[in-house]
Amino acid sequence: LIYYLRTFHNIDLTFSDKGHSFMSMMVSFLVVTRSSIVYSRFMEAREYLNEAMKACREFSQHAITFTRYETTPRAKLWRAEVLRRTLVLLRTIVSVLEYQTKGQHAWKVPELTQDEKQALLMSVGRSNERR
């Protein structure tokens, strides 16, 4: 198109080498800016995950500390179940974050029991499933 206009209609749409150097500077600036934005988003998500892990650890410590004088087998089972569910919660969060790369649904995490998987499906609904 540029060749046709320049040859037959004497319209020149080309620009000098200075234009190319200016465009390369603009493209490099945009690439660096975009990389900076992506890195900032990654670090923000990393910090949120770190806060979630700290909160779960603190919750687990409080559950154990506040029930330490309960030594019955039932209390020990309760503490173990609270800790297991807290770990499953963290694993599910990581599974959601990894969905883009691994493609594994959060309700198909192997650490979930069948009842927990069913509860997740009921709360999300089958219409929201990704296939």
Protein backbone atom coordinates (compact mmCIF):
# COMPACT_ATOMS: atom_id res chain seq x y z
CA LEU A 1 0.00 0.00 0.00
CA ILE A 2 2.81 2.44 0.92
CA TYR A 3 4.73 1.50 -2.25
CA TYR A 4 1.61 1.94 -4.41
CA LEU A 5 0.80 5.38 -2.97
CA ARG A 6 4.38 6.58 -3.31
CA THR A 7 4.84 5.26 -6.85
CA PHE A 8 1.54 6.13 -8.51
CA HIS A 9 0.10 9.00 -6.47
CA ASN A 10 3.27 10.66 -5.18
CA ILE A 11 2.12 10.31 -1.55
CA ASP A 12 4.97 9.43 0.81
CA LEU A 13 3.90 7.73 4.06
CA THR A 14 7.38 6.62 5.08
CA PHE A 15 9.38 8.26 7.85
CA SER A 16 13.07 8.68 8.50
CA ASP A 17 15.40 6.59 10.65
CA LYS A 18 14.75 8.95 13.54
CA GLY A 19 11.18 7.69 13.57
CA HIS A 20 12.36 4.09 13.89
CA SER A 21 14.66 4.93 16.77
CA PHE A 22 11.86 6.87 18.46
CA MET A 23 9.47 3.94 18.01
CA SER A 24 12.03 1.48 19.41
CA MET A 25 12.40 3.70 22.48
CA MET A 26 8.62 3.80 22.92
CA VAL A 27 8.28 0.03 22.56
CA SER A 28 11.09 -0.64 25.04
CA PHE A 29 9.51 1.81 27.51
CA LEU A 30 6.14 0.07 27.18
CA VAL A 31 7.68 -3.39 27.63
CA VAL A 32 9.55 -2.33 30.76
CA THR A 33 6.45 -0.63 32.17
CA ARG A 34 4.31 -3.69 31.51
CA SER A 35 6.89 -5.96 33.15
CA SER A 36 6.94 -3.69 36.18
CA ILE A 37 3.15 -3.81 36.47
CA VAL A 38 3.10 -7.62 36.24
CA TYR A 39 5.83 -7.95 38.85
CA SER A 40 3.94 -5.60 41.20
CA ARG A 41 0.78 -7.69 40.84
CA PHE A 42 2.72 -10.88 41.52
CA MET A 43 4.28 -9.43 44.67
CA GLU A 44 0.87 -8.19 45.88
CA ALA A 45 -0.69 -11.64 45.40
CA ARG A 46 2.31 -13.23 47.10
CA GLU A 47 1.83 -10.96 50.10
CA TYR A 48 -1.89 -11.83 50.32
CA LEU A 49 -1.07 -15.54 50.28
CA ASN A 50 1.57 -14.99 52.95
CA GLU A 51 -1.01 -13.18 55.13
CA ALA A 52 -3.48 -16.04 54.67
CA MET A 53 -0.84 -18.56 55.72
CA LYS A 54 0.05 -16.50 58.79
CA ALA A 55 -3.62 -16.18 59.76
CA CYS A 56 -4.15 -19.94 59.44
CA ARG A 57 -1.05 -20.66 61.50
CA GLU A 58 -2.20 -18.23 64.18
CA PHE A 59 -5.69 -19.73 64.17
CA SER A 60 -4.24 -23.22 64.60
CA GLN A 61 -2.05 -22.09 67.47
CA HIS A 62 -5.00 -20.42 69.20
CA ALA A 63 -7.18 -23.51 68.78
CA ILE A 64 -4.52 -25.67 70.37
CA THR A 65 -3.69 -23.18 73.13
CA PHE A 66 -7.27 -22.47 74.16
CA THR A 67 -8.14 -26.18 74.38
CA ARG A 68 -4.87 -27.48 75.84
CA TYR A 69 -6.49 -28.52 79.12
CA GLU A 70 -9.03 -30.66 77.30
CA THR A 71 -7.28 -34.04 77.12
CA THR A 72 -10.17 -36.29 76.16
CA PRO A 73 -9.91 -38.30 72.94
CA ARG A 74 -12.84 -36.32 71.55
CA ALA A 75 -10.99 -33.02 72.13
CA LYS A 76 -7.89 -34.40 70.44
CA LEU A 77 -9.96 -35.47 67.45
CA TRP A 78 -11.54 -32.00 67.32
CA ARG A 79 -8.12 -30.31 67.30
CA ALA A 80 -6.88 -32.65 64.60
CA GLU A 81 -9.96 -31.94 62.47
CA VAL A 82 -9.59 -28.17 62.90
CA LEU A 83 -5.95 -28.36 61.84
CA ARG A 84 -6.72 -30.63 58.89
CA ARG A 85 -9.46 -28.31 57.64
CA THR A 86 -7.18 -25.32 58.00
CA LEU A 87 -4.53 -27.05 55.89
CA VAL A 88 -7.15 -28.06 53.33
CA LEU A 89 -8.29 -24.43 53.17
CA LEU A 90 -4.73 -23.32 52.37
CA ARG A 91 -4.35 -26.11 49.82
CA THR A 92 -7.59 -25.06 48.15
CA ILE A 93 -6.41 -21.44 47.95
CA VAL A 94 -3.19 -22.58 46.28
CA SER A 95 -5.20 -24.79 43.92
CA VAL A 96 -7.31 -21.82 42.85
CA LEU A 97 -4.16 -19.80 42.21
CA GLU A 98 -2.57 -22.66 40.25
CA TYR A 99 -5.64 -23.27 38.07
CA GLN A 100 -4.24 -21.28 35.13
CA THR A 101 -1.10 -23.42 34.91
CA LYS A 102 -2.22 -26.84 36.16
CA GLY A 103 -5.91 -26.83 35.23
CA GLN A 104 -6.92 -28.71 38.40
CA HIS A 105 -10.27 -27.68 39.86
CA ALA A 106 -10.31 -26.62 43.51
CA TRP A 107 -12.92 -29.26 44.35
CA LYS A 108 -10.72 -32.00 42.89
CA VAL A 109 -7.89 -31.45 45.36
CA PRO A 110 -6.92 -34.90 46.71
CA GLU A 111 -6.80 -33.64 50.31
CA LEU A 112 -10.58 -33.01 50.33
CA THR A 113 -12.93 -35.69 51.64
CA GLN A 114 -15.91 -36.72 49.53
CA ASP A 115 -18.29 -34.74 51.79
CA GLU A 116 -16.16 -31.61 51.45
CA LYS A 117 -16.03 -31.98 47.67
CA GLN A 118 -19.80 -32.34 47.58
CA ALA A 119 -20.25 -29.28 49.81
CA LEU A 120 -17.99 -27.24 47.51
CA LEU A 121 -19.94 -28.29 44.45
CA MET A 122 -23.23 -27.44 46.12
CA SER A 123 -22.03 -24.01 47.21
CA VAL A 124 -20.54 -23.17 43.81
CA GLY A 125 -23.22 -24.86 41.77
CA ARG A 126 -22.76 -27.08 38.76
CA SER A 127 -23.44 -24.20 36.37
CA ASN A 128 -20.17 -22.55 37.45
CA GLU A 129 -17.99 -25.59 36.77
CA ARG A 130 -15.19 -25.13 34.30
CA ARG A 131 -14.80 -28.03 31.94
